[in-house]
Amino acid sequence: MATTLTSAGTRLRAPAKLPAFRMLWLGQSLSLLGDGFSYIAFSWITLSLTQSTLTLGYVLAFQAVPRALLTLVGGSLSDKWSPRTLMTLSSWARAVLMGGVGLIGMTGSLTVAMLCCAAAAFGAVDAFFQPARASILPSVVAKEQLAPANALLAVGTKVSSVLGPAVGGMVVALSDAPVAFLVDGVCFALCGLCVSRIRTAAARDEPGEAAPAPAAPEAGDSLFTRMRAGLRYALEDPRIRSILVIDTVMTFCYAGTFTVGFATLAKVDLHGGSAALGLLNGALAGGALLGTLVGGSLSGLPRVGLLIAGLAGWLAAGMAVLGLTDSTVTAFVTVLVMGFGIGFQGVFGLSWIQRTIDPSVLSRVISIDMVLGYAIAPVSLILCGGLAQGGSGPMFAVSGALLALTAVGLLSSRAVRGMR
């Protein structure tokens, strides 16, 4: 047992020995930390200026819409140039933008119109960073290190997404919102510095790996031609189509049930209030973190298709339990187990994408996946809000049924069953 644990720990630590990976990990963590700062800063200063939650919604929408609309563009440019270049330029652009907003805020001249423009610019620039950060890893580590590297990056992501809003809130409480913008700018500047120091290398091919799908045809070099080529590449491969479908279904089920659903379950069914809601969210995050670490420490390549179908069934069973239980302990354990499955599968699913898809089109495929998630999340929130009006049971039942059907559909595909 001790030898096994030592071996697992060695595999998980192996990517961290590479200077390029350490720079990538630190840069991505700083970027996500800055994202958390910006959310708190935009929210607090908008409410301070207007006392209106409706206006806050407008400001946050001005940030979200350009990010969703331009993510495909960011993926296309990342394939044409390089992920490192886009990540560096995006980070420094966000640093200048946040620093400028902070300085204007310090003078007391900041208006809602300025905040909306800044939020839109931030979302637009961020759209070029997100696909690039997901596609750069194969040029930083060897193929056999993708799973542990993704696990370590995911750990940094989860820690930063918790620390960013928390530290941002402390900065605002101890000083003022404009100061949070300035600190935010420093985070993005340091991110750009770290990413610019990454020295990428071609990923090594491993014997026995599944052959990459055919390279995307490039009939021309215009932006829209490249975007169409990326979309065609994704749709022509049944395995990639399945990944896109399952990710969209998962996002639909996560966005509503893990926000509206948890709140309704805690308040209406468990009668536990905010404490129960905190326990459920903590269980989800803790389970996902544990699953990520376990997945990243394993050797070998599991059958990813079967793993994805298994996760859908796993979550469907969890949804069924949540829809029937009135016990806080049962709900906590169920969510913890669901989170473990999400974290565990996430390591191998993303690694399969990075390992299998042709590097010349990788960012475009990832950007398609992201855009589908951006589009389905608000639909999920609205529908789950409607279903949860009489309690959480109907909402969890619909999500569970959808996940069960997805699992059956995936298992019926020979191409998916053979994915590894």
Protein backbone atom coordinates (compact mmCIF):
# COMPACT_ATOMS: atom_id res chain seq x y z
CA MET A 1 0.00 0.00 0.00
CA ALA A 2 2.80 2.42 0.92
CA THR A 3 4.57 1.66 -2.36
CA THR A 4 1.38 2.26 -4.32
CA LEU A 5 0.75 5.59 -2.61
CA THR A 6 4.36 6.64 -3.17
CA SER A 7 4.12 5.74 -6.86
CA ALA A 8 0.84 7.67 -7.21
CA GLY A 9 2.37 10.70 -5.52
CA THR A 10 5.40 10.53 -7.81
CA ARG A 11 3.18 10.50 -10.92
CA LEU A 12 1.18 13.44 -9.63
CA ARG A 13 4.29 15.48 -8.85
CA ALA A 14 6.14 14.70 -12.09
CA PRO A 15 4.79 17.64 -14.16
CA ALA A 16 5.68 20.08 -11.37
CA LYS A 17 9.36 19.29 -11.97
CA LEU A 18 9.16 21.01 -15.37
CA PRO A 19 9.89 24.77 -15.23
CA ALA A 20 7.49 25.45 -18.13
CA PHE A 21 4.64 23.70 -16.33
CA ARG A 22 5.33 25.58 -13.10
CA MET A 23 5.10 28.86 -15.02
CA LEU A 24 1.84 27.71 -16.64
CA TRP A 25 0.37 26.63 -13.30
CA LEU A 26 1.31 29.88 -11.61
CA GLY A 27 0.12 32.02 -14.53
CA GLN A 28 -3.25 30.26 -14.79
CA SER A 29 -3.76 30.44 -11.03
CA LEU A 30 -2.99 34.17 -11.01
CA SER A 31 -5.42 34.73 -13.89
CA LEU A 32 -8.22 32.91 -12.09
CA LEU A 33 -7.38 34.77 -8.89
CA GLY A 34 -7.73 37.99 -10.88
CA ASP A 35 -11.08 36.82 -12.26
CA GLY A 36 -12.34 36.42 -8.71
CA PHE A 37 -11.07 39.89 -7.78
CA SER A 38 -12.74 41.44 -10.81
CA TYR A 39 -16.11 39.84 -9.99
CA ILE A 40 -16.05 41.26 -6.45
CA ALA A 41 -14.77 44.66 -7.60
CA PHE A 42 -17.34 45.06 -10.39
CA SER A 43 -20.17 43.88 -8.14
CA TRP A 44 -19.33 46.01 -5.12
CA ILE A 45 -18.56 49.24 -6.90
CA THR A 46 -21.71 48.95 -9.04
CA LEU A 47 -23.89 48.46 -5.98
CA SER A 48 -22.09 51.32 -4.22
CA LEU A 49 -22.78 53.68 -7.13
CA THR A 50 -26.36 52.68 -7.89
CA GLN A 51 -27.80 50.61 -5.00
CA SER A 52 -29.46 48.61 -7.79
CA THR A 53 -29.15 44.86 -8.30
CA LEU A 54 -30.71 45.29 -11.74
CA THR A 55 -27.83 47.54 -12.78
CA LEU A 56 -25.41 44.98 -11.40
CA GLY A 57 -27.04 42.40 -13.64
CA TYR A 58 -26.50 44.67 -16.64
CA VAL A 59 -22.81 45.18 -15.80
CA LEU A 60 -22.18 41.45 -15.37
CA ALA A 61 -24.07 40.74 -18.60
CA PHE A 62 -21.86 43.24 -20.43
CA GLN A 63 -18.93 41.09 -19.34
CA ALA A 64 -20.49 37.69 -20.10
CA VAL A 65 -21.94 38.35 -23.56
CA PRO A 66 -18.70 39.45 -25.34
CA ARG A 67 -16.87 36.55 -23.74
CA ALA A 68 -19.41 34.09 -25.14
CA LEU A 69 -19.52 35.73 -28.58
CA LEU A 70 -15.76 35.98 -29.05
CA THR A 71 -14.61 32.65 -27.63
CA LEU A 72 -14.76 31.02 -31.08
CA VAL A 73 -12.65 33.86 -32.44
CA GLY A 74 -10.16 33.36 -29.61
CA GLY A 75 -9.93 29.64 -30.35
CA SER A 76 -9.36 30.29 -34.04
CA LEU A 77 -6.60 32.83 -33.41
CA SER A 78 -4.97 30.58 -30.83
CA ASP A 79 -4.61 27.85 -33.47
CA LYS A 80 -3.20 30.33 -35.98
CA TRP A 81 -0.72 32.08 -33.70
CA SER A 82 0.10 30.31 -30.46
CA PRO A 83 -1.73 29.80 -27.16
CA ARG A 84 1.16 31.34 -25.26
CA THR A 85 1.05 34.53 -27.32
CA LEU A 86 -2.69 34.99 -26.83
CA MET A 87 -2.50 34.22 -23.12
CA THR A 88 0.30 36.74 -22.64
CA LEU A 89 -1.36 39.54 -24.63
CA SER A 90 -4.72 38.89 -22.99
CA SER A 91 -3.21 38.98 -19.51
CA TRP A 92 -1.38 42.25 -20.09
CA ALA A 93 -4.44 43.81 -21.72
CA ARG A 94 -6.56 42.88 -18.71
CA ALA A 95 -3.86 44.26 -16.41
CA VAL A 96 -3.94 47.63 -18.17
CA LEU A 97 -7.73 47.66 -18.23
CA MET A 98 -8.19 46.82 -14.55
CA GLY A 99 -5.43 49.19 -13.52
CA GLY A 100 -7.08 51.99 -15.51
CA VAL A 101 -10.48 51.34 -13.94
CA GLY A 102 -8.88 51.33 -10.50
CA LEU A 103 -7.12 54.66 -11.07
CA ILE A 104 -10.28 56.30 -12.38
CA GLY A 105 -12.18 54.90 -9.40
CA MET A 106 -9.63 56.40 -7.02
CA THR A 107 -10.43 59.86 -8.43
CA GLY A 108 -14.17 59.36 -7.85
CA SER A 109 -14.97 59.81 -11.56
CA LEU A 110 -16.13 56.28 -12.30
CA THR A 111 -19.64 56.01 -13.77
CA VAL A 112 -21.96 53.11 -14.55
CA ALA A 113 -21.40 53.68 -18.28
CA MET A 114 -17.64 53.36 -17.74
CA LEU A 115 -18.16 50.17 -15.74
CA CYS A 116 -20.28 48.68 -18.53
CA CYS A 117 -17.63 49.54 -21.12
CA ALA A 118 -14.86 48.14 -18.91
CA ALA A 119 -16.84 44.96 -18.25
CA ALA A 120 -17.46 44.47 -21.98
CA ALA A 121 -13.78 45.03 -22.78
CA PHE A 122 -12.75 42.63 -20.00
CA GLY A 123 -15.08 39.91 -21.29
CA ALA A 124 -13.87 40.40 -24.86
CA VAL A 125 -10.19 40.14 -23.94
CA ASP A 126 -10.82 37.20 -21.60
CA ALA A 127 -12.38 35.29 -24.52
CA PHE A 128 -8.91 35.05 -26.08
CA PHE A 129 -7.35 33.68 -22.89
CA GLN A 130 -9.76 30.85 -22.06
CA PRO A 131 -9.39 28.55 -25.13
CA ALA A 132 -5.64 29.13 -25.16
CA ARG A 133 -5.14 28.07 -21.54
CA ALA A 134 -6.92 24.77 -22.22
CA SER A 135 -4.96 23.99 -25.39
CA ILE A 136 -1.40 24.95 -24.43
CA LEU A 137 -0.75 21.98 -22.12
CA PRO A 138 0.17 19.38 -24.83
CA SER A 139 3.06 21.63 -25.87
CA VAL A 140 4.30 21.90 -22.28
CA VAL A 141 4.26 18.29 -21.00
CA ALA A 142 4.58 14.88 -22.63
CA LYS A 143 1.45 12.90 -23.43
CA GLU A 144 1.86 10.47 -20.56
CA GLN A 145 1.90 13.43 -18.15
CA LEU A 146 -1.32 15.07 -19.39
CA ALA A 147 -3.57 13.49 -16.74
CA PRO A 148 -1.46 14.45 -13.69
CA ALA A 149 -0.76 17.87 -15.23
CA ASN A 150 -4.48 18.51 -15.72
CA ALA A 151 -5.09 17.38 -12.16
CA LEU A 152 -2.56 19.87 -10.79
CA LEU A 153 -3.99 22.66 -12.94
CA ALA A 154 -7.49 21.79 -11.73
CA VAL A 155 -6.33 22.01 -8.11
CA GLY A 156 -4.93 25.48 -8.80
CA THR A 157 -8.20 26.42 -10.50
CA LYS A 158 -10.34 25.34 -7.55
CA VAL A 159 -8.11 27.01 -4.97
CA SER A 160 -7.94 30.26 -6.95
CA SER A 161 -11.69 30.35 -7.56
CA VAL A 162 -12.21 30.18 -3.80
CA LEU A 163 -9.40 32.54 -2.78
CA GLY A 164 -10.11 35.17 -5.48
CA PRO A 165 -13.56 36.27 -4.28
CA ALA A 166 -12.60 35.76 -0.62
CA VAL A 167 -9.42 37.87 -0.77
CA GLY A 168 -11.12 40.37 -3.08
CA GLY A 169 -13.88 40.81 -0.51
CA MET A 170 -11.29 41.38 2.22
CA VAL A 171 -9.49 43.99 0.11
CA VAL A 172 -12.76 45.85 -0.50
CA ALA A 173 -13.69 45.64 3.19
CA LEU A 174 -10.32 46.96 4.36
CA SER A 175 -9.89 49.63 1.69
CA ASP A 176 -12.24 50.34 -1.24
CA ALA A 177 -13.41 48.72 -4.47
CA PRO A 178 -11.00 50.69 -6.72
CA VAL A 179 -8.09 49.22 -4.77
CA ALA A 180 -9.39 45.74 -5.66
CA PHE A 181 -9.20 46.73 -9.34
CA LEU A 182 -5.57 47.77 -8.87
CA VAL A 183 -4.68 44.49 -7.12
CA ASP A 184 -6.55 42.71 -9.91
CA GLY A 185 -4.35 44.45 -12.47
CA VAL A 186 -1.22 43.31 -10.65
CA CYS A 187 -2.47 39.68 -10.74
CA PHE A 188 -2.99 39.83 -14.49
CA ALA A 189 0.36 41.52 -15.07
CA LEU A 190 2.15 38.77 -13.13
CA CYS A 191 0.14 36.17 -15.06
CA GLY A 192 1.36 37.66 -18.34
CA LEU A 193 4.94 37.62 -17.07
CA CYS A 194 4.72 33.95 -16.06
CA VAL A 195 3.11 32.85 -19.32
CA SER A 196 5.62 34.78 -21.42
CA ARG A 197 8.40 32.72 -19.82
CA ILE A 198 6.90 29.37 -20.82
CA ARG A 199 9.10 27.50 -23.28
CA THR A 200 6.89 25.11 -25.20
CA ALA A 201 7.99 21.98 -27.04
CA ALA A 202 6.19 19.53 -29.33
CA ALA A 203 4.42 16.80 -27.36
CA ARG A 204 5.93 13.35 -27.83
CA ASP A 205 3.94 10.64 -29.55
CA GLU A 206 3.52 7.49 -27.52
CA PRO A 207 3.30 3.98 -29.00
CA GLY A 208 -0.15 2.51 -28.68
CA GLU A 209 -1.92 5.88 -28.51
CA ALA A 210 -5.19 6.25 -30.33
CA ALA A 211 -4.50 7.83 -33.70
CA PRO A 212 -5.46 11.49 -33.89
CA ALA A 213 -8.48 12.37 -35.96
CA PRO A 214 -7.67 13.68 -39.46
CA ALA A 215 -6.30 17.19 -39.63
CA ALA A 216 -8.85 19.89 -40.22
CA PRO A 217 -9.00 21.01 -43.84
CA GLU A 218 -7.92 24.61 -44.30
CA ALA A 219 -9.44 25.86 -47.54
CA GLY A 220 -8.42 29.40 -46.73
CA ASP A 221 -6.88 31.51 -43.99
CA SER A 222 -9.68 33.94 -43.18
CA LEU A 223 -11.08 33.98 -39.67
CA PHE A 224 -14.49 32.62 -40.65
CA THR A 225 -12.95 29.93 -42.85
CA ARG A 226 -10.88 28.72 -39.92
CA MET A 227 -13.90 28.77 -37.61
CA ARG A 228 -15.95 26.73 -40.10
CA ALA A 229 -13.07 24.27 -40.50
CA GLY A 230 -12.90 23.79 -36.74
CA LEU A 231 -16.65 23.23 -36.50
CA ARG A 232 -16.57 20.74 -39.40
CA TYR A 233 -13.67 18.88 -37.79
CA ALA A 234 -15.58 18.54 -34.52
CA LEU A 235 -18.85 17.42 -36.11
CA GLU A 236 -17.30 14.85 -38.44
CA ASP A 237 -15.73 12.81 -35.63
CA PRO A 238 -18.37 10.85 -33.63
CA ARG A 239 -16.12 10.79 -30.58
CA ILE A 240 -15.76 14.57 -30.50
CA ARG A 241 -19.47 14.99 -31.13
CA SER A 242 -20.13 12.79 -28.12
CA ILE A 243 -17.77 14.85 -25.96
CA LEU A 244 -19.58 18.04 -26.99
CA VAL A 245 -22.99 16.50 -26.27
CA ILE A 246 -22.04 15.15 -22.86
CA ASP A 247 -20.33 18.41 -21.83
CA THR A 248 -23.42 20.37 -22.85
CA VAL A 249 -25.73 18.02 -20.97
CA MET A 250 -23.48 18.13 -17.91
CA THR A 251 -23.40 21.92 -17.97
CA PHE A 252 -27.18 22.00 -18.26
CA CYS A 253 -27.49 19.74 -15.24
CA TYR A 254 -24.76 21.49 -13.22
CA ALA A 255 -25.77 25.11 -13.81
CA GLY A 256 -29.32 24.79 -12.56
CA THR A 257 -29.26 21.90 -10.11
CA PHE A 258 -26.04 22.93 -8.39
CA THR A 259 -27.22 26.53 -7.87
CA VAL A 260 -31.01 26.82 -7.85
CA GLY A 261 -31.31 23.16 -6.85
CA PHE A 262 -28.92 23.28 -3.90
CA ALA A 263 -30.53 26.47 -2.60
CA THR A 264 -34.03 24.98 -2.86
CA LEU A 265 -32.94 21.66 -1.36
CA ALA A 266 -31.28 23.39 1.61
CA LYS A 267 -34.12 25.81 2.33
CA VAL A 268 -37.28 23.87 1.45
CA ASP A 269 -36.50 20.15 1.75
CA LEU A 270 -33.76 20.00 4.36
CA HIS A 271 -34.93 23.04 6.37
CA GLY A 272 -31.29 23.81 7.02
CA GLY A 273 -30.97 27.34 5.67
CA SER A 274 -27.67 28.83 4.60
CA ALA A 275 -25.65 26.39 6.73
CA ALA A 276 -27.01 23.42 4.75
CA LEU A 277 -26.36 25.27 1.48
CA GLY A 278 -22.77 25.86 2.53
CA LEU A 279 -22.34 22.18 3.39
CA LEU A 280 -23.66 21.09 -0.01
CA ASN A 281 -21.37 23.45 -1.93
CA GLY A 282 -18.43 22.46 0.24
CA ALA A 283 -19.15 18.77 -0.38
CA LEU A 284 -19.26 19.33 -4.14
CA ALA A 285 -15.98 21.25 -4.16
CA GLY A 286 -14.25 18.86 -1.78
CA GLY A 287 -15.39 15.78 -3.68
CA ALA A 288 -14.28 17.25 -6.99
CA LEU A 289 -10.87 18.14 -5.58
CA LEU A 290 -10.40 14.63 -4.18
CA GLY A 291 -11.52 13.03 -7.45
CA THR A 292 -9.13 15.22 -9.40
CA LEU A 293 -6.17 14.22 -7.25
CA VAL A 294 -7.04 10.51 -7.41
CA GLY A 295 -7.52 10.63 -11.18
CA GLY A 296 -4.26 12.47 -11.72
CA SER A 297 -2.30 9.96 -9.64
CA LEU A 298 -3.44 6.86 -11.54
CA SER A 299 -1.28 5.21 -14.16
CA GLY A 300 -2.55 3.89 -17.48
CA LEU A 301 -5.29 5.08 -19.80
CA PRO A 302 -8.85 4.04 -18.89
CA ARG A 303 -11.55 3.68 -21.53
CA VAL A 304 -12.60 7.30 -21.56
CA GLY A 305 -15.86 6.62 -23.38
CA LEU A 306 -16.99 4.14 -20.75
CA LEU A 307 -15.81 6.51 -18.04
CA ILE A 308 -17.90 9.36 -19.45
CA ALA A 309 -20.99 7.15 -19.76
CA GLY A 310 -20.37 5.89 -16.23
CA LEU A 311 -20.20 9.45 -14.90
CA ALA A 312 -23.55 10.29 -16.51
CA GLY A 313 -25.12 7.26 -14.84
CA TRP A 314 -23.32 8.05 -11.57
CA LEU A 315 -24.75 11.56 -11.53
CA ALA A 316 -28.20 10.34 -12.56
CA ALA A 317 -28.26 8.10 -9.48
CA GLY A 318 -27.10 11.01 -7.33
CA MET A 319 -29.86 13.25 -8.70
CA ALA A 320 -32.42 10.57 -7.83
CA VAL A 321 -31.19 10.40 -4.23
CA LEU A 322 -31.21 14.20 -3.87
CA GLY A 323 -34.76 14.35 -5.21
CA LEU A 324 -36.00 11.91 -2.57
CA THR A 325 -33.97 12.64 0.56
CA ASP A 326 -34.88 14.88 3.47
CA SER A 327 -31.67 14.12 5.38
CA THR A 328 -28.83 16.62 5.39
CA VAL A 329 -26.28 13.85 6.02
CA THR A 330 -27.54 11.80 3.07
CA ALA A 331 -27.53 14.86 0.81
CA PHE A 332 -23.99 15.79 1.93
CA VAL A 333 -22.58 12.31 1.25
CA THR A 334 -24.39 12.07 -2.09
CA VAL A 335 -23.06 15.42 -3.29
CA LEU A 336 -19.56 14.51 -2.08
CA VAL A 337 -19.66 11.31 -4.13
CA MET A 338 -21.05 13.16 -7.17
CA GLY A 339 -18.27 15.73 -6.90
CA PHE A 340 -15.68 12.94 -6.74
CA GLY A 341 -16.98 11.51 -10.02
CA ILE A 342 -16.92 14.92 -11.70
CA GLY A 343 -13.33 15.57 -10.66
CA PHE A 344 -12.13 12.08 -11.53
CA GLN A 345 -13.66 11.99 -15.01
CA GLY A 346 -12.67 15.57 -15.75
CA VAL A 347 -8.97 14.71 -15.61
CA PHE A 348 -9.23 11.96 -18.22
CA GLY A 349 -11.82 13.64 -20.44
CA LEU A 350 -9.74 16.78 -20.93
CA SER A 351 -6.55 14.75 -21.32
CA TRP A 352 -8.21 12.70 -24.08
CA ILE A 353 -9.12 15.88 -25.95
CA GLN A 354 -5.60 17.27 -25.65
CA ARG A 355 -3.99 13.96 -26.58
CA THR A 356 -6.22 13.00 -29.50
CA ILE A 357 -7.30 16.14 -31.35
CA ASP A 358 -4.95 17.48 -34.00
CA PRO A 359 -2.93 20.36 -32.46
CA SER A 360 -3.70 22.62 -35.44
CA VAL A 361 -7.39 22.67 -34.51
CA LEU A 362 -7.33 21.95 -30.77
CA SER A 363 -8.14 25.48 -29.59
CA ARG A 364 -11.07 25.74 -31.99
CA VAL A 365 -12.63 22.51 -30.75
CA ILE A 366 -12.17 23.59 -27.13
CA SER A 367 -13.74 26.98 -27.91
CA ILE A 368 -16.80 25.25 -29.42
CA ASP A 369 -17.20 23.28 -26.21
CA MET A 370 -16.93 26.47 -24.16
CA VAL A 371 -19.49 28.36 -26.25
CA LEU A 372 -22.00 25.53 -25.90
CA GLY A 373 -21.55 25.74 -22.14
CA TYR A 374 -22.00 29.51 -22.13
CA ALA A 375 -25.20 29.15 -24.14
CA ILE A 376 -26.84 26.33 -22.16
CA ALA A 377 -26.08 27.58 -18.63
CA PRO A 378 -28.66 30.43 -18.53
CA VAL A 379 -31.29 28.13 -20.07
CA SER A 380 -30.64 25.65 -17.26
CA LEU A 381 -30.95 28.32 -14.59
CA ILE A 382 -34.29 29.52 -15.94
CA LEU A 383 -35.80 26.05 -16.40
CA CYS A 384 -34.58 24.79 -13.03
CA GLY A 385 -35.95 27.91 -11.38
CA GLY A 386 -39.35 27.09 -12.82
CA LEU A 387 -39.21 23.40 -11.91
CA ALA A 388 -38.09 24.13 -8.35
CA GLN A 389 -41.03 26.38 -7.46
CA GLY A 390 -42.79 23.50 -5.71
CA GLY A 391 -39.63 21.90 -4.29
CA SER A 392 -36.43 20.40 -5.60
CA GLY A 393 -37.82 16.93 -6.42
CA PRO A 394 -39.14 17.58 -9.97
CA MET A 395 -35.97 19.43 -10.96
CA PHE A 396 -33.66 16.63 -9.78
CA ALA A 397 -35.93 14.07 -11.46
CA VAL A 398 -35.71 15.80 -14.85
CA SER A 399 -31.92 16.23 -14.58
CA GLY A 400 -31.48 12.60 -13.52
CA ALA A 401 -33.61 11.31 -16.39
CA LEU A 402 -31.67 13.39 -18.89
CA LEU A 403 -28.37 12.09 -17.55
CA ALA A 404 -29.59 8.48 -17.62
CA LEU A 405 -30.68 8.82 -21.27
CA THR A 406 -27.31 10.35 -22.09
CA ALA A 407 -25.49 7.42 -20.49
CA VAL A 408 -27.55 4.91 -22.50
CA GLY A 409 -26.94 6.86 -25.72
CA LEU A 410 -23.19 6.94 -25.13
CA LEU A 411 -23.02 3.23 -24.40
CA SER A 412 -24.88 2.47 -27.63
CA SER A 413 -22.09 4.09 -29.68
CA ARG A 414 -19.22 1.76 -30.64
CA ALA A 415 -16.94 4.73 -31.32
CA VAL A 416 -17.53 6.09 -27.83
CA ARG A 417 -17.05 2.71 -26.14
CA GLY A 418 -13.66 2.39 -27.83
CA MET A 419 -12.36 5.80 -26.70
CA ARG A 420 -9.29 5.62 -24.49
